[in-house]
Amino acid sequence: MLGDRVRGVNTSRGMLGVDRFDSAKAVHTYFKNHYGPTIEAYANIGANAVLAAELDAQLIELAQEYLMGGVMEWEYLLLTAEKR
């Protein structure tokens, strides 16, 4: 993606503790309203209430799996490079 415009590319992974959500439902609501891919998924579902309800349930279930004591651990990838 960066091609030959950079040099010295380094990457590192880390974990970020996110403590802004008090429930799995709050995670669902945030992603439904603010996260592009989730917004697009709901837009593609359109008026299909059955599919929307299933997506709601799956997102809440996923959040319940990872929300522990009010904290979710999110992995990130940090990429740094020097512009040529």
PDB file of N, CA and C in Angstrom:
ATOM      1  N   MET A   1       0.811  -1.179   0.000  1.00  0.00           N
ATOM      2  CA  MET A   1       0.000   0.000   0.000  1.00  0.00           C
ATOM      3  C   MET A   1       0.873   1.269   0.000  1.00  0.00           C
ATOM      4  N   LEU A   2       1.975   1.211   0.699  1.00  0.00           N
ATOM      5  CA  LEU A   2       2.860   2.362   0.752  1.00  0.00           C
ATOM      6  C   LEU A   2       3.917   2.325  -0.343  1.00  0.00           C
ATOM      7  N   GLY A   3       4.118   1.146  -0.912  1.00  0.00           N
ATOM      8  CA  GLY A   3       5.056   1.000  -2.020  1.00  0.00           C
ATOM      9  C   GLY A   3       6.466   1.410  -1.662  1.00  0.00           C
ATOM     10  N   ASP A   4       7.122   2.063  -2.603  1.00  0.00           N
ATOM     11  CA  ASP A   4       8.518   2.464  -2.386  1.00  0.00           C
ATOM     12  C   ASP A   4       8.620   3.874  -1.813  1.00  0.00           C
ATOM     13  N   ARG A   5       7.534   4.407  -1.308  1.00  0.00           N
ATOM     14  CA  ARG A   5       7.534   5.768  -0.754  1.00  0.00           C
ATOM     15  C   ARG A   5       8.014   5.823   0.687  1.00  0.00           C
ATOM     16  N   VAL A   6       8.223   4.653   1.303  1.00  0.00           N
ATOM     17  CA  VAL A   6       8.680   4.620   2.690  1.00  0.00           C
ATOM     18  C   VAL A   6       9.817   3.618   2.844  1.00  0.00           C
ATOM     19  N   ARG A   7      10.510   3.749   3.963  1.00  0.00           N
ATOM     20  CA  ARG A   7      11.544   2.774   4.315  1.00  0.00           C
ATOM     21  C   ARG A   7      11.512   2.599   5.828  1.00  0.00           C
ATOM     22  N   GLY A   8      12.188   1.575   6.291  1.00  0.00           N
ATOM     23  CA  GLY A   8      12.243   1.335   7.726  1.00  0.00           C
ATOM     24  C   GLY A   8      10.900   1.014   8.343  1.00  0.00           C
ATOM     25  N   VAL A   9      10.131   0.181   7.688  1.00  0.00           N
ATOM     26  CA  VAL A   9       8.807  -0.183   8.200  1.00  0.00           C
ATOM     27  C   VAL A   9       8.952  -1.087   9.428  1.00  0.00           C
ATOM     28  N   ASN A  10       8.282  -0.725  10.492  1.00  0.00           N
ATOM     29  CA  ASN A  10       8.248  -1.522  11.717  1.00  0.00           C
ATOM     30  C   ASN A  10       6.810  -1.671  12.165  1.00  0.00           C
ATOM     31  N   THR A  11       6.495  -2.831  12.706  1.00  0.00           N
ATOM     32  CA  THR A  11       5.156  -3.067  13.239  1.00  0.00           C
ATOM     33  C   THR A  11       5.261  -3.663  14.635  1.00  0.00           C
ATOM     34  N   SER A  12       4.264  -3.381  15.428  1.00  0.00           N
ATOM     35  CA  SER A  12       4.157  -4.013  16.741  1.00  0.00           C
ATOM     36  C   SER A  12       2.683  -4.106  17.107  1.00  0.00           C
ATOM     37  N   ARG A  13       2.350  -5.172  17.810  1.00  0.00           N
ATOM     38  CA  ARG A  13       0.979  -5.379  18.267  1.00  0.00           C
ATOM     39  C   ARG A  13       0.888  -4.999  19.734  1.00  0.00           C
ATOM     40  N   GLY A  14      -0.266  -4.547  20.126  1.00  0.00           N
ATOM     41  CA  GLY A  14      -0.500  -4.214  21.520  1.00  0.00           C
ATOM     42  C   GLY A  14      -1.950  -4.440  21.879  1.00  0.00           C
ATOM     43  N   MET A  15      -2.243  -4.312  23.140  1.00  0.00           N
ATOM     44  CA  MET A  15      -3.610  -4.468  23.631  1.00  0.00           C
ATOM     45  C   MET A  15      -4.027  -3.177  24.310  1.00  0.00           C
ATOM     46  N   LEU A  16      -5.263  -2.801  24.100  1.00  0.00           N
ATOM     47  CA  LEU A  16      -5.827  -1.597  24.693  1.00  0.00           C
ATOM     48  C   LEU A  16      -7.039  -1.994  25.514  1.00  0.00           C
ATOM     49  N   GLY A  17      -7.016  -1.665  26.788  1.00  0.00           N
ATOM     50  CA  GLY A  17      -8.175  -1.924  27.644  1.00  0.00           C
ATOM     51  C   GLY A  17      -9.201  -0.818  27.462  1.00  0.00           C
ATOM     52  N   VAL A  18     -10.372  -1.166  26.938  1.00  0.00           N
ATOM     53  CA  VAL A  18     -11.442  -0.192  26.690  1.00  0.00           C
ATOM     54  C   VAL A  18     -12.486  -0.362  27.792  1.00  0.00           C
ATOM     55  N   ASP A  19     -12.688   0.703  28.566  1.00  0.00           N
ATOM     56  CA  ASP A  19     -13.603   0.609  29.710  1.00  0.00           C
ATOM     57  C   ASP A  19     -14.783   1.577  29.617  1.00  0.00           C
ATOM     58  N   ARG A  20     -15.182   1.910  28.423  1.00  0.00           N
ATOM     59  CA  ARG A  20     -16.259   2.880  28.255  1.00  0.00           C
ATOM     60  C   ARG A  20     -17.654   2.259  28.205  1.00  0.00           C
ATOM     61  N   PHE A  21     -17.752   0.936  28.163  1.00  0.00           N
ATOM     62  CA  PHE A  21     -19.045   0.269  28.022  1.00  0.00           C
ATOM     63  C   PHE A  21     -19.426  -0.436  29.317  1.00  0.00           C
ATOM     64  N   ASP A  22     -20.645  -0.210  29.787  1.00  0.00           N
ATOM     65  CA  ASP A  22     -21.087  -0.864  31.016  1.00  0.00           C
ATOM     66  C   ASP A  22     -21.905  -2.123  30.760  1.00  0.00           C
ATOM     67  N   SER A  23     -22.179  -2.430  29.491  1.00  0.00           N
ATOM     68  CA  SER A  23     -22.946  -3.633  29.166  1.00  0.00           C
ATOM     69  C   SER A  23     -22.702  -4.025  27.711  1.00  0.00           C
ATOM     70  N   ALA A  24     -23.027  -5.274  27.413  1.00  0.00           N
ATOM     71  CA  ALA A  24     -22.913  -5.746  26.031  1.00  0.00           C
ATOM     72  C   ALA A  24     -23.855  -4.969  25.115  1.00  0.00           C
ATOM     73  N   LYS A  25     -25.006  -4.585  25.630  1.00  0.00           N
ATOM     74  CA  LYS A  25     -25.960  -3.792  24.853  1.00  0.00           C
ATOM     75  C   LYS A  25     -25.358  -2.439  24.487  1.00  0.00           C
ATOM     76  N   ALA A  26     -24.590  -1.835  25.405  1.00  0.00           N
ATOM     77  CA  ALA A  26     -23.945  -0.547  25.125  1.00  0.00           C
ATOM     78  C   ALA A  26     -22.894  -0.699  24.017  1.00  0.00           C
ATOM     79  N   VAL A  27     -22.170  -1.811  24.020  1.00  0.00           N
ATOM     80  CA  VAL A  27     -21.202  -2.083  22.947  1.00  0.00           C
ATOM     81  C   VAL A  27     -21.944  -2.172  21.620  1.00  0.00           C
ATOM     82  N   HIS A  28     -23.021  -2.940  21.607  1.00  0.00           N
ATOM     83  CA  HIS A  28     -23.835  -3.112  20.401  1.00  0.00           C
ATOM     84  C   HIS A  28     -24.327  -1.768  19.880  1.00  0.00           C
ATOM     85  N   THR A  29     -24.875  -0.951  20.756  1.00  0.00           N
ATOM     86  CA  THR A  29     -25.421   0.344  20.356  1.00  0.00           C
ATOM     87  C   THR A  29     -24.329   1.234  19.765  1.00  0.00           C
ATOM     88  N   TYR A  30     -23.176   1.256  20.409  1.00  0.00           N
ATOM     89  CA  TYR A  30     -22.065   2.076  19.900  1.00  0.00           C
ATOM     90  C   TYR A  30     -21.666   1.639  18.491  1.00  0.00           C
ATOM     91  N   PHE A  31     -21.413   0.337  18.310  1.00  0.00           N
ATOM     92  CA  PHE A  31     -20.974  -0.146  16.999  1.00  0.00           C
ATOM     93  C   PHE A  31     -22.057   0.013  15.942  1.00  0.00           C
ATOM     94  N   LYS A  32     -23.297  -0.166  16.313  1.00  0.00           N
ATOM     95  CA  LYS A  32     -24.410  -0.011  15.368  1.00  0.00           C
ATOM     96  C   LYS A  32     -24.493   1.417  14.841  1.00  0.00           C
ATOM     97  N   ASN A  33     -24.157   2.393  15.690  1.00  0.00           N
ATOM     98  CA  ASN A  33     -24.317   3.794  15.321  1.00  0.00           C
ATOM     99  C   ASN A  33     -23.040   4.513  14.894  1.00  0.00           C
ATOM    100  N   HIS A  34     -21.858   3.953  15.207  1.00  0.00           N
ATOM    101  CA  HIS A  34     -20.623   4.697  14.978  1.00  0.00           C
ATOM    102  C   HIS A  34     -19.532   3.957  14.205  1.00  0.00           C
ATOM    103  N   TYR A  35     -19.646   2.666  13.986  1.00  0.00           N
ATOM    104  CA  TYR A  35     -18.577   1.897  13.352  1.00  0.00           C
ATOM    105  C   TYR A  35     -18.978   1.551  11.918  1.00  0.00           C
ATOM    106  N   GLY A  36     -18.215   2.088  10.972  1.00  0.00           N
ATOM    107  CA  GLY A  36     -18.553   1.999   9.551  1.00  0.00           C
ATOM    108  C   GLY A  36     -18.987   0.631   9.053  1.00  0.00           C
ATOM    109  N   PRO A  37     -18.186  -0.429   9.272  1.00  0.00           N
ATOM    110  CA  PRO A  37     -18.598  -1.746   8.766  1.00  0.00           C
ATOM    111  C   PRO A  37     -19.918  -2.239   9.354  1.00  0.00           C
ATOM    112  N   THR A  38     -20.169  -1.933  10.619  1.00  0.00           N
ATOM    113  CA  THR A  38     -21.433  -2.345  11.227  1.00  0.00           C
ATOM    114  C   THR A  38     -22.591  -1.522  10.673  1.00  0.00           C
ATOM    115  N   ILE A  39     -22.369  -0.237  10.501  1.00  0.00           N
ATOM    116  CA  ILE A  39     -23.393   0.621   9.888  1.00  0.00           C
ATOM    117  C   ILE A  39     -23.744   0.096   8.502  1.00  0.00           C
ATOM    118  N   GLU A  40     -22.728  -0.280   7.742  1.00  0.00           N
ATOM    119  CA  GLU A  40     -22.938  -0.804   6.388  1.00  0.00           C
ATOM    120  C   GLU A  40     -23.698  -2.127   6.413  1.00  0.00           C
ATOM    121  N   ALA A  41     -23.392  -2.971   7.389  1.00  0.00           N
ATOM    122  CA  ALA A  41     -24.102  -4.256   7.499  1.00  0.00           C
ATOM    123  C   ALA A  41     -25.592  -4.019   7.727  1.00  0.00           C
ATOM    124  N   TYR A  42     -25.924  -3.099   8.623  1.00  0.00           N
ATOM    125  CA  TYR A  42     -27.345  -2.792   8.855  1.00  0.00           C
ATOM    126  C   TYR A  42     -27.978  -2.157   7.624  1.00  0.00           C
ATOM    127  N   ALA A  43     -27.241  -1.321   6.915  1.00  0.00           N
ATOM    128  CA  ALA A  43     -27.781  -0.706   5.694  1.00  0.00           C
ATOM    129  C   ALA A  43     -28.076  -1.769   4.645  1.00  0.00           C
ATOM    130  N   ASN A  44     -27.192  -2.762   4.534  1.00  0.00           N
ATOM    131  CA  ASN A  44     -27.409  -3.832   3.552  1.00  0.00           C
ATOM    132  C   ASN A  44     -28.583  -4.723   3.918  1.00  0.00           C
ATOM    133  N   ILE A  45     -28.850  -4.866   5.199  1.00  0.00           N
ATOM    134  CA  ILE A  45     -30.002  -5.655   5.643  1.00  0.00           C
ATOM    135  C   ILE A  45     -31.297  -4.956   5.249  1.00  0.00           C
ATOM    136  N   GLY A  46     -31.276  -3.638   5.271  1.00  0.00           N
ATOM    137  CA  GLY A  46     -32.463  -2.876   4.892  1.00  0.00           C
ATOM    138  C   GLY A  46     -33.586  -3.056   5.894  1.00  0.00           C
ATOM    139  N   ALA A  47     -34.773  -3.307   5.386  1.00  0.00           N
ATOM    140  CA  ALA A  47     -35.969  -3.406   6.226  1.00  0.00           C
ATOM    141  C   ALA A  47     -36.242  -4.829   6.704  1.00  0.00           C
ATOM    142  N   ASN A  48     -35.296  -5.735   6.507  1.00  0.00           N
ATOM    143  CA  ASN A  48     -35.502  -7.123   6.917  1.00  0.00           C
ATOM    144  C   ASN A  48     -35.334  -7.234   8.437  1.00  0.00           C
ATOM    145  N   ALA A  49     -36.447  -7.216   9.141  1.00  0.00           N
ATOM    146  CA  ALA A  49     -36.439  -7.215  10.606  1.00  0.00           C
ATOM    147  C   ALA A  49     -35.847  -8.493  11.184  1.00  0.00           C
ATOM    148  N   VAL A  50     -36.026  -9.604  10.514  1.00  0.00           N
ATOM    149  CA  VAL A  50     -35.496 -10.877  10.998  1.00  0.00           C
ATOM    150  C   VAL A  50     -33.967 -10.843  10.982  1.00  0.00           C
ATOM    151  N   LEU A  51     -33.388 -10.399   9.867  1.00  0.00           N
ATOM    152  CA  LEU A  51     -31.928 -10.316   9.774  1.00  0.00           C
ATOM    153  C   LEU A  51     -31.361  -9.269  10.733  1.00  0.00           C
ATOM    154  N   ALA A  52     -32.044  -8.162  10.891  1.00  0.00           N
ATOM    155  CA  ALA A  52     -31.590  -7.120  11.819  1.00  0.00           C
ATOM    156  C   ALA A  52     -31.586  -7.651  13.250  1.00  0.00           C
ATOM    157  N   ALA A  53     -32.616  -8.380  13.619  1.00  0.00           N
ATOM    158  CA  ALA A  53     -32.687  -8.954  14.963  1.00  0.00           C
ATOM    159  C   ALA A  53     -31.581  -9.983  15.173  1.00  0.00           C
ATOM    160  N   GLU A  54     -31.284 -10.756  14.161  1.00  0.00           N
ATOM    161  CA  GLU A  54     -30.207 -11.749  14.256  1.00  0.00           C
ATOM    162  C   GLU A  54     -28.849 -11.074  14.397  1.00  0.00           C
ATOM    163  N   LEU A  55     -28.618 -10.014  13.632  1.00  0.00           N
ATOM    164  CA  LEU A  55     -27.362  -9.274  13.759  1.00  0.00           C
ATOM    165  C   LEU A  55     -27.267  -8.628  15.137  1.00  0.00           C
ATOM    166  N   ASP A  56     -28.359  -8.042  15.627  1.00  0.00           N
ATOM    167  CA  ASP A  56     -28.381  -7.489  16.981  1.00  0.00           C
ATOM    168  C   ASP A  56     -27.948  -8.550  17.998  1.00  0.00           C
ATOM    169  N   ALA A  57     -28.563  -9.717  17.921  1.00  0.00           N
ATOM    170  CA  ALA A  57     -28.290 -10.799  18.877  1.00  0.00           C
ATOM    171  C   ALA A  57     -26.828 -11.258  18.789  1.00  0.00           C
ATOM    172  N   GLN A  58     -26.308 -11.380  17.571  1.00  0.00           N
ATOM    173  CA  GLN A  58     -24.925 -11.834  17.417  1.00  0.00           C
ATOM    174  C   GLN A  58     -23.921 -10.815  17.938  1.00  0.00           C
ATOM    175  N   LEU A  59     -24.192  -9.529  17.707  1.00  0.00           N
ATOM    176  CA  LEU A  59     -23.286  -8.499  18.217  1.00  0.00           C
ATOM    177  C   LEU A  59     -23.306  -8.442  19.744  1.00  0.00           C
ATOM    178  N   ILE A  60     -24.470  -8.591  20.335  1.00  0.00           N
ATOM    179  CA  ILE A  60     -24.566  -8.594  21.799  1.00  0.00           C
ATOM    180  C   ILE A  60     -23.866  -9.828  22.364  1.00  0.00           C
ATOM    181  N   GLU A  61     -24.055 -10.973  21.732  1.00  0.00           N
ATOM    182  CA  GLU A  61     -23.392 -12.199  22.173  1.00  0.00           C
ATOM    183  C   GLU A  61     -21.861 -12.061  22.092  1.00  0.00           C
ATOM    184  N   LEU A  62     -21.385 -11.481  21.016  1.00  0.00           N
ATOM    185  CA  LEU A  62     -19.947 -11.267  20.854  1.00  0.00           C
ATOM    186  C   LEU A  62     -19.412 -10.335  21.944  1.00  0.00           C
ATOM    187  N   ALA A  63     -20.136  -9.259  22.212  1.00  0.00           N
ATOM    188  CA  ALA A  63     -19.718  -8.329  23.254  1.00  0.00           C
ATOM    189  C   ALA A  63     -19.727  -8.998  24.626  1.00  0.00           C
ATOM    190  N   GLN A  64     -20.719  -9.835  24.897  1.00  0.00           N
ATOM    191  CA  GLN A  64     -20.783 -10.532  26.182  1.00  0.00           C
ATOM    192  C   GLN A  64     -19.577 -11.446  26.367  1.00  0.00           C
ATOM    193  N   GLU A  65     -19.108 -12.013  25.279  1.00  0.00           N
ATOM    194  CA  GLU A  65     -17.952 -12.916  25.339  1.00  0.00           C
ATOM    195  C   GLU A  65     -16.676 -12.176  25.732  1.00  0.00           C
ATOM    196  N   TYR A  66     -16.524 -10.935  25.287  1.00  0.00           N
ATOM    197  CA  TYR A  66     -15.271 -10.204  25.482  1.00  0.00           C
ATOM    198  C   TYR A  66     -15.330  -9.104  26.537  1.00  0.00           C
ATOM    199  N   LEU A  67     -16.491  -8.730  27.007  1.00  0.00           N
ATOM    200  CA  LEU A  67     -16.618  -7.685  28.028  1.00  0.00           C
ATOM    201  C   LEU A  67     -16.505  -8.349  29.398  1.00  0.00           C
ATOM    202  N   MET A  68     -15.383  -8.097  30.067  1.00  0.00           N
ATOM    203  CA  MET A  68     -15.112  -8.716  31.365  1.00  0.00           C
ATOM    204  C   MET A  68     -14.953  -7.624  32.414  1.00  0.00           C
ATOM    205  N   GLY A  69     -15.857  -7.578  33.368  1.00  0.00           N
ATOM    206  CA  GLY A  69     -15.764  -6.593  34.429  1.00  0.00           C
ATOM    207  C   GLY A  69     -15.768  -5.166  33.919  1.00  0.00           C
ATOM    208  N   GLY A  70     -16.504  -4.915  32.847  1.00  0.00           N
ATOM    209  CA  GLY A  70     -16.592  -3.573  32.287  1.00  0.00           C
ATOM    210  C   GLY A  70     -15.426  -3.178  31.388  1.00  0.00           C
ATOM    211  N   VAL A  71     -14.560  -4.137  31.069  1.00  0.00           N
ATOM    212  CA  VAL A  71     -13.399  -3.843  30.224  1.00  0.00           C
ATOM    213  C   VAL A  71     -13.344  -4.836  29.065  1.00  0.00           C
ATOM    214  N   MET A  72     -13.061  -4.310  27.883  1.00  0.00           N
ATOM    215  CA  MET A  72     -12.807  -5.148  26.705  1.00  0.00           C
ATOM    216  C   MET A  72     -11.361  -4.915  26.294  1.00  0.00           C
ATOM    217  N   GLU A  73     -10.646  -5.984  25.978  1.00  0.00           N
ATOM    218  CA  GLU A  73      -9.273  -5.877  25.485  1.00  0.00           C
ATOM    219  C   GLU A  73      -9.312  -5.883  23.961  1.00  0.00           C
ATOM    220  N   TRP A  74      -8.893  -4.771  23.357  1.00  0.00           N
ATOM    221  CA  TRP A  74      -8.864  -4.650  21.905  1.00  0.00           C
ATOM    222  C   TRP A  74      -7.419  -4.688  21.438  1.00  0.00           C
ATOM    223  N   GLU A  75      -7.149  -5.541  20.475  1.00  0.00           N
ATOM    224  CA  GLU A  75      -5.809  -5.631  19.908  1.00  0.00           C
ATOM    225  C   GLU A  75      -5.647  -4.566  18.830  1.00  0.00           C
ATOM    226  N   TYR A  76      -4.456  -4.004  18.762  1.00  0.00           N
ATOM    227  CA  TYR A  76      -4.168  -3.054  17.706  1.00  0.00           C
ATOM    228  C   TYR A  76      -2.806  -3.366  17.082  1.00  0.00           C
ATOM    229  N   LEU A  77      -2.626  -2.881  15.865  1.00  0.00           N
ATOM    230  CA  LEU A  77      -1.364  -3.013  15.161  1.00  0.00           C
ATOM    231  C   LEU A  77      -0.848  -1.601  14.895  1.00  0.00           C
ATOM    232  N   LEU A  78       0.358  -1.333  15.357  1.00  0.00           N
ATOM    233  CA  LEU A  78       0.996  -0.032  15.139  1.00  0.00           C
ATOM    234  C   LEU A  78       2.047  -0.213  14.058  1.00  0.00           C
ATOM    235  N   LEU A  79       1.951   0.565  13.001  1.00  0.00           N
ATOM    236  CA  LEU A  79       2.920   0.544  11.908  1.00  0.00           C
ATOM    237  C   LEU A  79       3.590   1.913  11.844  1.00  0.00           C
ATOM    238  N   THR A  80       4.917   1.913  11.855  1.00  0.00           N
ATOM    239  CA  THR A  80       5.659   3.158  11.685  1.00  0.00           C
ATOM    240  C   THR A  80       6.606   2.997  10.507  1.00  0.00           C
ATOM    241  N   ALA A  81       6.880   4.095   9.829  1.00  0.00           N
ATOM    242  CA  ALA A  81       7.770   4.070   8.682  1.00  0.00           C
ATOM    243  C   ALA A  81       8.339   5.475   8.466  1.00  0.00           C
ATOM    244  N   GLU A  82       9.440   5.520   7.788  1.00  0.00           N
ATOM    245  CA  GLU A  82      10.071   6.789   7.438  1.00  0.00           C
ATOM    246  C   GLU A  82       9.746   7.112   5.993  1.00  0.00           C
ATOM    247  N   LYS A  83       9.222   8.303   5.758  1.00  0.00           N
ATOM    248  CA  LYS A  83       8.892   8.734   4.413  1.00  0.00           C
ATOM    249  C   LYS A  83      10.186   9.009   3.647  1.00  0.00           C
ATOM    250  N   ARG A  84      10.254   8.541   2.420  1.00  0.00           N
ATOM    251  CA  ARG A  84      11.450   8.767   1.572  1.00  0.00           C
ATOM    252  C   ARG A  84      11.449  10.167   1.024  1.00  0.00           C
TER     253      ARG A  84
END
